[in-house]
PDB file of N, CA and C in Angstrom:
ATOM      1  N   VAL A   1      86.482  87.330 120.986  1.00  0.00           N
ATOM      2  CA  VAL A   1      86.480  86.596 122.203  1.00  0.00           C
ATOM      3  C   VAL A   1      85.891  87.460 123.344  1.00  0.00           C
ATOM      4  N   GLN A   2      84.909  86.947 124.024  1.00  0.00           N
ATOM      5  CA  GLN A   2      84.367  87.572 125.276  1.00  0.00           C
ATOM      6  C   GLN A   2      84.361  86.658 126.362  1.00  0.00           C
ATOM      7  N   LEU A   3      84.760  87.144 127.537  1.00  0.00           N
ATOM      8  CA  LEU A   3      84.765  86.401 128.827  1.00  0.00           C
ATOM      9  C   LEU A   3      83.925  87.191 129.738  1.00  0.00           C
ATOM     10  N   GLN A   4      82.906  86.766 130.341  1.00  0.00           N
ATOM     11  CA  GLN A   4      82.006  87.462 131.262  1.00  0.00           C
ATOM     12  C   GLN A   4      82.122  86.722 132.560  1.00  0.00           C
ATOM     13  N   ALA A   5      82.761  87.326 133.536  1.00  0.00           N
ATOM     14  CA  ALA A   5      82.823  86.854 134.815  1.00  0.00           C
ATOM     15  C   ALA A   5      81.747  87.364 135.776  1.00  0.00           C
ATOM     16  N   SER A   6      81.350  86.597 136.789  1.00  0.00           N
ATOM     17  CA  SER A   6      80.357  86.935 137.692  1.00  0.00           C
ATOM     18  C   SER A   6      80.424  86.065 138.913  1.00  0.00           C
ATOM     19  N   GLY A   7      79.654  86.479 140.073  1.00  0.00           N
ATOM     20  CA  GLY A   7      79.631  85.661 141.239  1.00  0.00           C
ATOM     21  C   GLY A   7      80.371  86.250 142.400  1.00  0.00           C
ATOM     22  N   GLY A   8      81.045  87.320 142.208  1.00  0.00           N
ATOM     23  CA  GLY A   8      81.831  87.943 143.419  1.00  0.00           C
ATOM     24  C   GLY A   8      80.778  88.567 144.422  1.00  0.00           C
ATOM     25  N   GLY A   9      81.388  88.913 145.508  1.00  0.00           N
ATOM     26  CA  GLY A   9      80.508  89.619 146.583  1.00  0.00           C
ATOM     27  C   GLY A   9      81.306  89.765 147.838  1.00  0.00           C
ATOM     28  N   LEU A  10      80.604  90.119 148.855  1.00  0.00           N
ATOM     29  CA  LEU A  10      81.122  90.367 150.304  1.00  0.00           C
ATOM     30  C   LEU A  10      80.774  89.219 151.130  1.00  0.00           C
ATOM     31  N   VAL A  11      81.758  88.487 151.632  1.00  0.00           N
ATOM     32  CA  VAL A  11      81.461  87.375 152.516  1.00  0.00           C
ATOM     33  C   VAL A  11      82.365  87.483 153.808  1.00  0.00           C
ATOM     34  N   GLN A  12      82.031  86.735 154.742  1.00  0.00           N
ATOM     35  CA  GLN A  12      82.878  86.620 155.972  1.00  0.00           C
ATOM     36  C   GLN A  12      83.889  85.580 155.809  1.00  0.00           C
ATOM     37  N   ALA A  13      84.939  85.660 156.537  1.00  0.00           N
ATOM     38  CA  ALA A  13      85.974  84.633 156.579  1.00  0.00           C
ATOM     39  C   ALA A  13      85.252  83.212 156.912  1.00  0.00           C
ATOM     40  N   GLY A  14      85.714  82.247 156.189  1.00  0.00           N
ATOM     41  CA  GLY A  14      85.262  80.875 156.366  1.00  0.00           C
ATOM     42  C   GLY A  14      84.045  80.472 155.491  1.00  0.00           C
ATOM     43  N   GLU A  15      83.521  81.581 154.788  1.00  0.00           N
ATOM     44  CA  GLU A  15      82.342  81.241 153.883  1.00  0.00           C
ATOM     45  C   GLU A  15      82.784  80.961 152.532  1.00  0.00           C
ATOM     46  N   SER A  16      81.834  80.737 151.620  1.00  0.00           N
ATOM     47  CA  SER A  16      82.130  80.248 150.278  1.00  0.00           C
ATOM     48  C   SER A  16      81.435  81.205 149.259  1.00  0.00           C
ATOM     49  N   LEU A  17      82.188  81.203 147.986  1.00  0.00           N
ATOM     50  CA  LEU A  17      81.579  81.821 146.850  1.00  0.00           C
ATOM     51  C   LEU A  17      81.829  80.924 145.708  1.00  0.00           C
ATOM     52  N   ARG A  18      81.063  81.070 144.636  1.00  0.00           N
ATOM     53  CA  ARG A  18      81.388  80.463 143.345  1.00  0.00           C
ATOM     54  C   ARG A  18      81.348  81.352 142.281  1.00  0.00           C
ATOM     55  N   LEU A  19      82.496  81.504 141.503  1.00  0.00           N
ATOM     56  CA  LEU A  19      82.585  82.356 140.446  1.00  0.00           C
ATOM     57  C   LEU A  19      82.320  81.640 139.142  1.00  0.00           C
ATOM     58  N   SER A  20      81.684  82.420 138.238  1.00  0.00           N
ATOM     59  CA  SER A  20      81.427  81.790 136.891  1.00  0.00           C
ATOM     60  C   SER A  20      82.084  82.734 135.802  1.00  0.00           C
ATOM     61  N   CYS A  21      82.356  82.060 134.692  1.00  0.00           N
ATOM     62  CA  CYS A  21      82.932  82.788 133.535  1.00  0.00           C
ATOM     63  C   CYS A  21      82.238  82.205 132.304  1.00  0.00           C
ATOM     64  N   ALA A  22      81.490  83.090 131.596  1.00  0.00           N
ATOM     65  CA  ALA A  22      80.856  82.669 130.319  1.00  0.00           C
ATOM     66  C   ALA A  22      81.731  82.992 129.159  1.00  0.00           C
ATOM     67  N   ALA A  23      82.179  82.151 128.313  1.00  0.00           N
ATOM     68  CA  ALA A  23      82.991  82.433 127.184  1.00  0.00           C
ATOM     69  C   ALA A  23      82.171  82.374 125.892  1.00  0.00           C
ATOM     70  N   SER A  24      82.529  83.228 124.977  1.00  0.00           N
ATOM     71  CA  SER A  24      81.964  83.271 123.572  1.00  0.00           C
ATOM     72  C   SER A  24      83.023  83.710 122.677  1.00  0.00           C
ATOM     73  N   GLY A  25      82.876  83.242 121.391  1.00  0.00           N
ATOM     74  CA  GLY A  25      83.811  83.670 120.380  1.00  0.00           C
ATOM     75  C   GLY A  25      84.993  82.773 120.190  1.00  0.00           C
ATOM     76  N   ILE A  26      85.037  81.706 121.021  1.00  0.00           N
ATOM     77  CA  ILE A  26      86.143  80.770 120.837  1.00  0.00           C
ATOM     78  C   ILE A  26      85.539  79.290 120.839  1.00  0.00           C
ATOM     79  N   ASN A  27      86.355  78.305 120.324  1.00  0.00           N
ATOM     80  CA  ASN A  27      85.933  77.026 120.424  1.00  0.00           C
ATOM     81  C   ASN A  27      86.501  76.531 121.947  1.00  0.00           C
ATOM     82  N   PHE A  28      85.592  76.783 122.853  1.00  0.00           N
ATOM     83  CA  PHE A  28      86.011  76.713 124.261  1.00  0.00           C
ATOM     84  C   PHE A  28      86.679  75.432 124.628  1.00  0.00           C
ATOM     85  N   ARG A  29      86.206  74.345 124.135  1.00  0.00           N
ATOM     86  CA  ARG A  29      86.773  73.032 124.535  1.00  0.00           C
ATOM     87  C   ARG A  29      88.168  72.819 124.257  1.00  0.00           C
ATOM     88  N   LEU A  30      88.806  73.556 123.321  1.00  0.00           N
ATOM     89  CA  LEU A  30      90.161  73.355 122.863  1.00  0.00           C
ATOM     90  C   LEU A  30      91.096  74.127 123.739  1.00  0.00           C
ATOM     91  N   TYR A  31      90.708  75.060 124.614  1.00  0.00           N
ATOM     92  CA  TYR A  31      91.641  75.936 125.338  1.00  0.00           C
ATOM     93  C   TYR A  31      91.804  75.745 126.807  1.00  0.00           C
ATOM     94  N   ASP A  32      93.009  75.829 127.263  1.00  0.00           N
ATOM     95  CA  ASP A  32      93.267  75.888 128.660  1.00  0.00           C
ATOM     96  C   ASP A  32      92.632  77.232 129.191  1.00  0.00           C
ATOM     97  N   MET A  33      92.091  77.184 130.406  1.00  0.00           N
ATOM     98  CA  MET A  33      91.561  78.320 130.949  1.00  0.00           C
ATOM     99  C   MET A  33      92.061  78.569 132.376  1.00  0.00           C
ATOM    100  N   ASP A  34      92.038  79.839 132.708  1.00  0.00           N
ATOM    101  CA  ASP A  34      92.608  80.273 134.069  1.00  0.00           C
ATOM    102  C   ASP A  34      91.714  81.151 134.788  1.00  0.00           C
ATOM    103  N   TRP A  35      91.999  81.260 136.167  1.00  0.00           N
ATOM    104  CA  TRP A  35      91.551  82.282 136.960  1.00  0.00           C
ATOM    105  C   TRP A  35      92.731  83.006 137.592  1.00  0.00           C
ATOM    106  N   TYR A  36      92.779  84.319 137.402  1.00  0.00           N
ATOM    107  CA  TYR A  36      93.754  85.154 138.116  1.00  0.00           C
ATOM    108  C   TYR A  36      93.005  86.065 139.191  1.00  0.00           C
ATOM    109  N   ARG A  37      93.840  86.690 139.874  1.00  0.00           N
ATOM    110  CA  ARG A  37      93.278  87.674 140.774  1.00  0.00           C
ATOM    111  C   ARG A  37      94.256  88.799 141.052  1.00  0.00           C
ATOM    112  N   GLN A  38      93.840  89.950 141.430  1.00  0.00           N
ATOM    113  CA  GLN A  38      94.621  91.068 141.725  1.00  0.00           C
ATOM    114  C   GLN A  38      94.100  91.735 143.018  1.00  0.00           C
ATOM    115  N   ALA A  39      94.943  91.697 144.071  1.00  0.00           N
ATOM    116  CA  ALA A  39      94.631  92.255 145.294  1.00  0.00           C
ATOM    117  C   ALA A  39      94.971  93.788 145.224  1.00  0.00           C
ATOM    118  N   PRO A  40      94.373  94.615 146.092  1.00  0.00           N
ATOM    119  CA  PRO A  40      94.658  95.977 146.177  1.00  0.00           C
ATOM    120  C   PRO A  40      96.180  96.200 146.303  1.00  0.00           C
ATOM    121  N   GLY A  41      96.768  96.999 145.381  1.00  0.00           N
ATOM    122  CA  GLY A  41      98.256  97.358 145.537  1.00  0.00           C
ATOM    123  C   GLY A  41      99.250  96.228 145.105  1.00  0.00           C
ATOM    124  N   LYS A  42      98.680  95.143 144.508  1.00  0.00           N
ATOM    125  CA  LYS A  42      99.554  94.057 144.208  1.00  0.00           C
ATOM    126  C   LYS A  42      99.335  93.765 142.674  1.00  0.00           C
ATOM    127  N   GLY A  43     100.181  92.967 142.181  1.00  0.00           N
ATOM    128  CA  GLY A  43     100.125  92.453 140.848  1.00  0.00           C
ATOM    129  C   GLY A  43      99.216  91.404 140.564  1.00  0.00           C
ATOM    130  N   ARG A  44      98.998  91.074 139.332  1.00  0.00           N
ATOM    131  CA  ARG A  44      97.995  90.052 138.982  1.00  0.00           C
ATOM    132  C   ARG A  44      98.575  88.564 139.344  1.00  0.00           C
ATOM    133  N   GLU A  45      97.925  87.786 139.858  1.00  0.00           N
ATOM    134  CA  GLU A  45      98.443  86.452 140.338  1.00  0.00           C
ATOM    135  C   GLU A  45      97.554  85.383 139.691  1.00  0.00           C
ATOM    136  N   LEU A  46      98.232  84.256 139.207  1.00  0.00           N
ATOM    137  CA  LEU A  46      97.533  83.139 138.715  1.00  0.00           C
ATOM    138  C   LEU A  46      97.051  82.327 139.829  1.00  0.00           C
ATOM    139  N   VAL A  47      95.777  82.042 139.923  1.00  0.00           N
ATOM    140  CA  VAL A  47      95.223  81.375 140.984  1.00  0.00           C
ATOM    141  C   VAL A  47      94.997  79.872 140.691  1.00  0.00           C
ATOM    142  N   ALA A  48      94.277  79.567 139.486  1.00  0.00           N
ATOM    143  CA  ALA A  48      94.085  78.242 139.130  1.00  0.00           C
ATOM    144  C   ALA A  48      94.064  78.110 137.674  1.00  0.00           C
ATOM    145  N   SER A  49      94.364  76.898 137.147  1.00  0.00           N
ATOM    146  CA  SER A  49      94.307  76.682 135.688  1.00  0.00           C
ATOM    147  C   SER A  49      93.641  75.277 135.434  1.00  0.00           C
ATOM    148  N   ILE A  50      92.930  75.223 134.289  1.00  0.00           N
ATOM    149  CA  ILE A  50      92.394  73.927 133.845  1.00  0.00           C
ATOM    150  C   ILE A  50      92.668  73.629 132.441  1.00  0.00           C
ATOM    151  N   ASP A  51      93.167  72.536 132.005  1.00  0.00           N
ATOM    152  CA  ASP A  51      93.536  72.411 130.624  1.00  0.00           C
ATOM    153  C   ASP A  51      92.200  71.793 130.004  1.00  0.00           C
ATOM    154  N   SER A  52      92.431  71.577 128.605  1.00  0.00           N
ATOM    155  CA  SER A  52      91.228  71.181 127.803  1.00  0.00           C
ATOM    156  C   SER A  52      90.674  69.774 128.168  1.00  0.00           C
ATOM    157  N   GLU A  53      91.618  69.048 128.813  1.00  0.00           N
ATOM    158  CA  GLU A  53      91.235  67.700 129.328  1.00  0.00           C
ATOM    159  C   GLU A  53      90.544  67.686 130.699  1.00  0.00           C
ATOM    160  N   GLY A  54      90.677  68.829 131.423  1.00  0.00           N
ATOM    161  CA  GLY A  54      90.074  69.025 132.726  1.00  0.00           C
ATOM    162  C   GLY A  54      90.980  68.782 133.857  1.00  0.00           C
ATOM    163  N   SER A  55      92.313  68.696 133.562  1.00  0.00           N
ATOM    164  CA  SER A  55      93.405  68.586 134.521  1.00  0.00           C
ATOM    165  C   SER A  55      93.712  69.950 135.130  1.00  0.00           C
ATOM    166  N   ALA A  56      93.613  70.068 136.437  1.00  0.00           N
ATOM    167  CA  ALA A  56      93.753  71.306 137.187  1.00  0.00           C
ATOM    168  C   ALA A  56      94.995  71.550 137.957  1.00  0.00           C
ATOM    169  N   ASP A  57      95.386  72.779 138.157  1.00  0.00           N
ATOM    170  CA  ASP A  57      96.520  73.135 138.884  1.00  0.00           C
ATOM    171  C   ASP A  57      96.151  74.399 139.693  1.00  0.00           C
ATOM    172  N   TYR A  58      96.767  74.533 140.925  1.00  0.00           N
ATOM    173  CA  TYR A  58      96.436  75.620 141.736  1.00  0.00           C
ATOM    174  C   TYR A  58      97.688  76.348 142.317  1.00  0.00           C
ATOM    175  N   THR A  59      97.615  77.494 142.585  1.00  0.00           N
ATOM    176  CA  THR A  59      98.697  78.177 143.422  1.00  0.00           C
ATOM    177  C   THR A  59      98.650  77.650 144.838  1.00  0.00           C
ATOM    178  N   GLU A  60      99.773  77.636 145.476  1.00  0.00           N
ATOM    179  CA  GLU A  60      99.864  77.052 146.739  1.00  0.00           C
ATOM    180  C   GLU A  60      98.897  77.513 147.814  1.00  0.00           C
ATOM    181  N   SER A  61      98.608  78.817 147.852  1.00  0.00           N
ATOM    182  CA  SER A  61      97.784  79.363 148.962  1.00  0.00           C
ATOM    183  C   SER A  61      96.277  78.962 148.764  1.00  0.00           C
ATOM    184  N   VAL A  62      95.882  78.491 147.702  1.00  0.00           N
ATOM    185  CA  VAL A  62      94.495  78.009 147.591  1.00  0.00           C
ATOM    186  C   VAL A  62      94.208  76.566 147.533  1.00  0.00           C
ATOM    187  N   LYS A  63      95.294  75.865 147.399  1.00  0.00           N
ATOM    188  CA  LYS A  63      95.128  74.337 147.427  1.00  0.00           C
ATOM    189  C   LYS A  63      94.366  73.792 148.612  1.00  0.00           C
ATOM    190  N   GLY A  64      93.381  72.952 148.252  1.00  0.00           N
ATOM    191  CA  GLY A  64      92.503  72.316 149.202  1.00  0.00           C
ATOM    192  C   GLY A  64      91.282  73.323 149.521  1.00  0.00           C
ATOM    193  N   ARG A  65      91.281  74.480 149.076  1.00  0.00           N
ATOM    194  CA  ARG A  65      90.155  75.455 149.297  1.00  0.00           C
ATOM    195  C   ARG A  65      89.487  75.717 148.116  1.00  0.00           C
ATOM    196  N   PHE A  66      90.028  75.892 147.037  1.00  0.00           N
ATOM    197  CA  PHE A  66      89.455  76.325 145.632  1.00  0.00           C
ATOM    198  C   PHE A  66      89.432  75.124 144.807  1.00  0.00           C
ATOM    199  N   THR A  67      88.372  75.145 143.851  1.00  0.00           N
ATOM    200  CA  THR A  67      88.196  74.150 142.873  1.00  0.00           C
ATOM    201  C   THR A  67      87.863  74.726 141.603  1.00  0.00           C
ATOM    202  N   ILE A  68      88.627  74.520 140.533  1.00  0.00           N
ATOM    203  CA  ILE A  68      88.343  75.149 139.272  1.00  0.00           C
ATOM    204  C   ILE A  68      87.655  73.907 138.414  1.00  0.00           C
ATOM    205  N   SER A  69      86.655  74.247 137.557  1.00  0.00           N
ATOM    206  CA  SER A  69      85.938  73.329 136.790  1.00  0.00           C
ATOM    207  C   SER A  69      85.475  73.911 135.547  1.00  0.00           C
ATOM    208  N   ARG A  70      85.092  73.159 134.575  1.00  0.00           N
ATOM    209  CA  ARG A  70      84.611  73.693 133.290  1.00  0.00           C
ATOM    210  C   ARG A  70      83.508  72.855 132.731  1.00  0.00           C
ATOM    211  N   ASP A  71      82.724  73.362 131.876  1.00  0.00           N
ATOM    212  CA  ASP A  71      81.663  72.758 131.079  1.00  0.00           C
ATOM    213  C   ASP A  71      81.878  73.083 129.746  1.00  0.00           C
ATOM    214  N   ASN A  72      82.381  72.185 128.908  1.00  0.00           N
ATOM    215  CA  ASN A  72      82.723  72.509 127.585  1.00  0.00           C
ATOM    216  C   ASN A  72      81.494  72.677 126.606  1.00  0.00           C
ATOM    217  N   ILE A  73      80.434  72.084 127.037  1.00  0.00           N
ATOM    218  CA  ILE A  73      79.091  72.236 126.132  1.00  0.00           C
ATOM    219  C   ILE A  73      78.572  73.529 126.455  1.00  0.00           C
ATOM    220  N   ARG A  74      78.516  74.016 127.750  1.00  0.00           N
ATOM    221  CA  ARG A  74      77.915  75.345 128.015  1.00  0.00           C
ATOM    222  C   ARG A  74      78.990  76.431 127.941  1.00  0.00           C
ATOM    223  N   ARG A  75      80.237  76.058 127.739  1.00  0.00           N
ATOM    224  CA  ARG A  75      81.298  77.101 127.557  1.00  0.00           C
ATOM    225  C   ARG A  75      81.337  77.920 128.806  1.00  0.00           C
ATOM    226  N   ARG A  76      81.359  77.237 130.011  1.00  0.00           N
ATOM    227  CA  ARG A  76      81.500  77.940 131.163  1.00  0.00           C
ATOM    228  C   ARG A  76      82.759  77.410 132.004  1.00  0.00           C
ATOM    229  N   LEU A  77      83.258  78.348 132.812  1.00  0.00           N
ATOM    230  CA  LEU A  77      84.370  78.118 133.723  1.00  0.00           C
ATOM    231  C   LEU A  77      83.935  78.552 135.049  1.00  0.00           C
ATOM    232  N   TRP A  78      84.233  77.720 136.063  1.00  0.00           N
ATOM    233  CA  TRP A  78      83.835  78.051 137.491  1.00  0.00           C
ATOM    234  C   TRP A  78      85.002  78.023 138.442  1.00  0.00           C
ATOM    235  N   LEU A  79      84.814  78.747 139.487  1.00  0.00           N
ATOM    236  CA  LEU A  79      85.900  78.712 140.565  1.00  0.00           C
ATOM    237  C   LEU A  79      85.035  78.566 141.867  1.00  0.00           C
ATOM    238  N   GLN A  80      85.114  77.456 142.471  1.00  0.00           N
ATOM    239  CA  GLN A  80      84.366  77.290 143.751  1.00  0.00           C
ATOM    240  C   GLN A  80      85.513  77.567 144.824  1.00  0.00           C
ATOM    241  N   MET A  81      85.138  78.569 145.586  1.00  0.00           N
ATOM    242  CA  MET A  81      86.046  79.065 146.605  1.00  0.00           C
ATOM    243  C   MET A  81      85.384  78.839 148.041  1.00  0.00           C
ATOM    244  N   ASP A  82      86.049  77.940 148.761  1.00  0.00           N
ATOM    245  CA  ASP A  82      85.587  77.573 150.169  1.00  0.00           C
ATOM    246  C   ASP A  82      86.630  77.996 151.139  1.00  0.00           C
ATOM    247  N   SER A  83      86.211  78.074 152.363  1.00  0.00           N
ATOM    248  CA  SER A  83      86.994  78.518 153.498  1.00  0.00           C
ATOM    249  C   SER A  83      87.796  79.786 153.162  1.00  0.00           C
ATOM    250  N   LEU A  84      87.134  80.753 152.683  1.00  0.00           N
ATOM    251  CA  LEU A  84      87.692  81.997 152.305  1.00  0.00           C
ATOM    252  C   LEU A  84      88.355  82.764 153.463  1.00  0.00           C
ATOM    253  N   LYS A  85      89.437  83.473 153.105  1.00  0.00           N
ATOM    254  CA  LYS A  85      90.205  84.245 154.054  1.00  0.00           C
ATOM    255  C   LYS A  85      90.349  85.588 153.601  1.00  0.00           C
ATOM    256  N   PRO A  86      90.623  86.514 154.507  1.00  0.00           N
ATOM    257  CA  PRO A  86      90.647  87.974 154.152  1.00  0.00           C
ATOM    258  C   PRO A  86      91.723  88.181 153.144  1.00  0.00           C
ATOM    259  N   GLU A  87      92.806  87.370 153.077  1.00  0.00           N
ATOM    260  CA  GLU A  87      93.825  87.559 152.020  1.00  0.00           C
ATOM    261  C   GLU A  87      93.354  87.134 150.699  1.00  0.00           C
ATOM    262  N   ASP A  88      92.252  86.501 150.514  1.00  0.00           N
ATOM    263  CA  ASP A  88      91.639  86.111 149.207  1.00  0.00           C
ATOM    264  C   ASP A  88      90.971  87.300 148.567  1.00  0.00           C
ATOM    265  N   THR A  89      90.776  88.462 149.288  1.00  0.00           N
ATOM    266  CA  THR A  89      90.193  89.645 148.780  1.00  0.00           C
ATOM    267  C   THR A  89      90.975  90.201 147.555  1.00  0.00           C
ATOM    268  N   ALA A  90      90.206  90.225 146.414  1.00  0.00           N
ATOM    269  CA  ALA A  90      90.774  90.741 145.212  1.00  0.00           C
ATOM    270  C   ALA A  90      89.771  90.799 144.142  1.00  0.00           C
ATOM    271  N   ILE A  91      90.153  91.385 142.938  1.00  0.00           N
ATOM    272  CA  ILE A  91      89.404  91.272 141.832  1.00  0.00           C
ATOM    273  C   ILE A  91      89.784  89.925 141.075  1.00  0.00           C
ATOM    274  N   TYR A  92      88.783  89.098 140.748  1.00  0.00           N
ATOM    275  CA  TYR A  92      89.173  87.834 140.090  1.00  0.00           C
ATOM    276  C   TYR A  92      88.748  87.933 138.554  1.00  0.00           C
ATOM    277  N   TYR A  93      89.744  87.474 137.732  1.00  0.00           N
ATOM    278  CA  TYR A  93      89.621  87.552 136.245  1.00  0.00           C
ATOM    279  C   TYR A  93      89.668  86.071 135.664  1.00  0.00           C
ATOM    280  N   CYS A  94      88.885  85.882 134.699  1.00  0.00           N
ATOM    281  CA  CYS A  94      89.028  84.632 133.895  1.00  0.00           C
ATOM    282  C   CYS A  94      89.933  85.063 132.709  1.00  0.00           C
ATOM    283  N   HIS A  95      90.655  84.104 132.219  1.00  0.00           N
ATOM    284  CA  HIS A  95      91.684  84.308 131.249  1.00  0.00           C
ATOM    285  C   HIS A  95      91.806  83.176 130.285  1.00  0.00           C
ATOM    286  N   VAL A  96      92.021  83.627 129.037  1.00  0.00           N
ATOM    287  CA  VAL A  96      92.389  82.564 127.994  1.00  0.00           C
ATOM    288  C   VAL A  96      93.501  83.158 127.130  1.00  0.00           C
ATOM    289  N   MET A  97      94.450  82.332 126.630  1.00  0.00           N
ATOM    290  CA  MET A  97      95.415  82.791 125.625  1.00  0.00           C
ATOM    291  C   MET A  97      94.842  82.415 124.293  1.00  0.00           C
ATOM    292  N   PHE A  98      94.415  83.345 123.559  1.00  0.00           N
ATOM    293  CA  PHE A  98      93.796  83.009 122.209  1.00  0.00           C
ATOM    294  C   PHE A  98      94.541  83.815 121.184  1.00  0.00           C
ATOM    295  N   ALA A  99      94.923  83.079 120.173  1.00  0.00           N
ATOM    296  CA  ALA A  99      95.841  83.694 118.993  1.00  0.00           C
ATOM    297  C   ALA A  99      96.938  84.402 119.539  1.00  0.00           C
ATOM    298  N   ARG A 100      97.620  83.792 120.614  1.00  0.00           N
ATOM    299  CA  ARG A 100      98.789  84.299 121.259  1.00  0.00           C
ATOM    300  C   ARG A 100      98.657  85.596 121.951  1.00  0.00           C
ATOM    301  N   ILE A 101      97.311  85.990 122.173  1.00  0.00           N
ATOM    302  CA  ILE A 101      97.134  87.229 122.898  1.00  0.00           C
ATOM    303  C   ILE A 101      96.220  86.914 124.146  1.00  0.00           C
ATOM    304  N   ASP A 102      96.680  87.537 125.255  1.00  0.00           N
ATOM    305  CA  ASP A 102      95.879  87.261 126.505  1.00  0.00           C
ATOM    306  C   ASP A 102      94.543  87.980 126.374  1.00  0.00           C
ATOM    307  N   ARG A 103      93.566  87.140 126.707  1.00  0.00           N
ATOM    308  CA  ARG A 103      92.166  87.733 126.748  1.00  0.00           C
ATOM    309  C   ARG A 103      91.642  87.593 128.174  1.00  0.00           C
ATOM    310  N   TRP A 104      91.050  88.728 128.598  1.00  0.00           N
ATOM    311  CA  TRP A 104      90.643  88.828 130.082  1.00  0.00           C
ATOM    312  C   TRP A 104      89.122  89.080 130.041  1.00  0.00           C
ATOM    313  N   GLY A 105      88.477  88.609 131.076  1.00  0.00           N
ATOM    314  CA  GLY A 105      87.108  89.003 131.370  1.00  0.00           C
ATOM    315  C   GLY A 105      87.213  90.401 132.176  1.00  0.00           C
ATOM    316  N   GLN A 106      86.031  90.994 132.588  1.00  0.00           N
ATOM    317  CA  GLN A 106      85.974  92.269 133.139  1.00  0.00           C
ATOM    318  C   GLN A 106      86.351  92.218 134.649  1.00  0.00           C
ATOM    319  N   GLY A 107      86.429  91.074 135.240  1.00  0.00           N
ATOM    320  CA  GLY A 107      86.715  90.915 136.648  1.00  0.00           C
ATOM    321  C   GLY A 107      85.495  90.999 137.509  1.00  0.00           C
ATOM    322  N   THR A 108      85.635  90.282 138.560  1.00  0.00           N
ATOM    323  CA  THR A 108      84.547  90.293 139.594  1.00  0.00           C
ATOM    324  C   THR A 108      85.171  90.349 141.059  1.00  0.00           C
ATOM    325  N   LEU A 109      84.609  91.259 141.776  1.00  0.00           N
ATOM    326  CA  LEU A 109      85.259  91.564 143.040  1.00  0.00           C
ATOM    327  C   LEU A 109      84.849  90.588 144.153  1.00  0.00           C
ATOM    328  N   VAL A 110      85.853  90.203 144.855  1.00  0.00           N
ATOM    329  CA  VAL A 110      85.588  89.254 146.020  1.00  0.00           C
ATOM    330  C   VAL A 110      86.094  89.941 147.280  1.00  0.00           C
ATOM    331  N   THR A 111      85.292  90.182 148.230  1.00  0.00           N
ATOM    332  CA  THR A 111      85.822  90.860 149.451  1.00  0.00           C
ATOM    333  C   THR A 111      85.510  89.855 150.598  1.00  0.00           C
ATOM    334  N   VAL A 112      86.520  89.630 151.408  1.00  0.00           N
ATOM    335  CA  VAL A 112      86.326  88.676 152.578  1.00  0.00           C
ATOM    336  C   VAL A 112      86.723  89.379 153.813  1.00  0.00           C
ATOM    337  N   SER A 113      85.684  89.590 154.674  1.00  0.00           N
ATOM    338  CA  SER A 113      85.894  90.363 155.970  1.00  0.00           C
ATOM    339  C   SER A 113      86.264  89.400 157.081  1.00  0.00           C
ATOM    340  N   SER A 114      87.023  89.880 157.961  1.00  0.00           N
ATOM    341  CA  SER A 114      87.546  88.965 159.112  1.00  0.00           C
ATOM    342  C   SER A 114      86.512  89.009 160.186  1.00  0.00           C
TER     343      SER A 114
END
């Protein structure tokens, strides 16, 4: 299983970014997928999840600003992040539970300046 995340960068508060995660080695359409993030000095936090049917869930702090989506044919996962805030600064990871083992992408850094 390989997860390749991309799309991070440095933006100002209020701007947008779109993260992408390319998956390989799994039957992507069968699995729930997640985005996590880890801010400096903090633990890893679940940001958004999407199940195999496309139903999404979000942590409270990003509701109304972030949108998770997927393309099962292209085996891609996205996270559209709008109205970014400095507190969204973190390394963002895509995640899947495969064979009862957590699988992580390499992470992509998002930095939001005030």
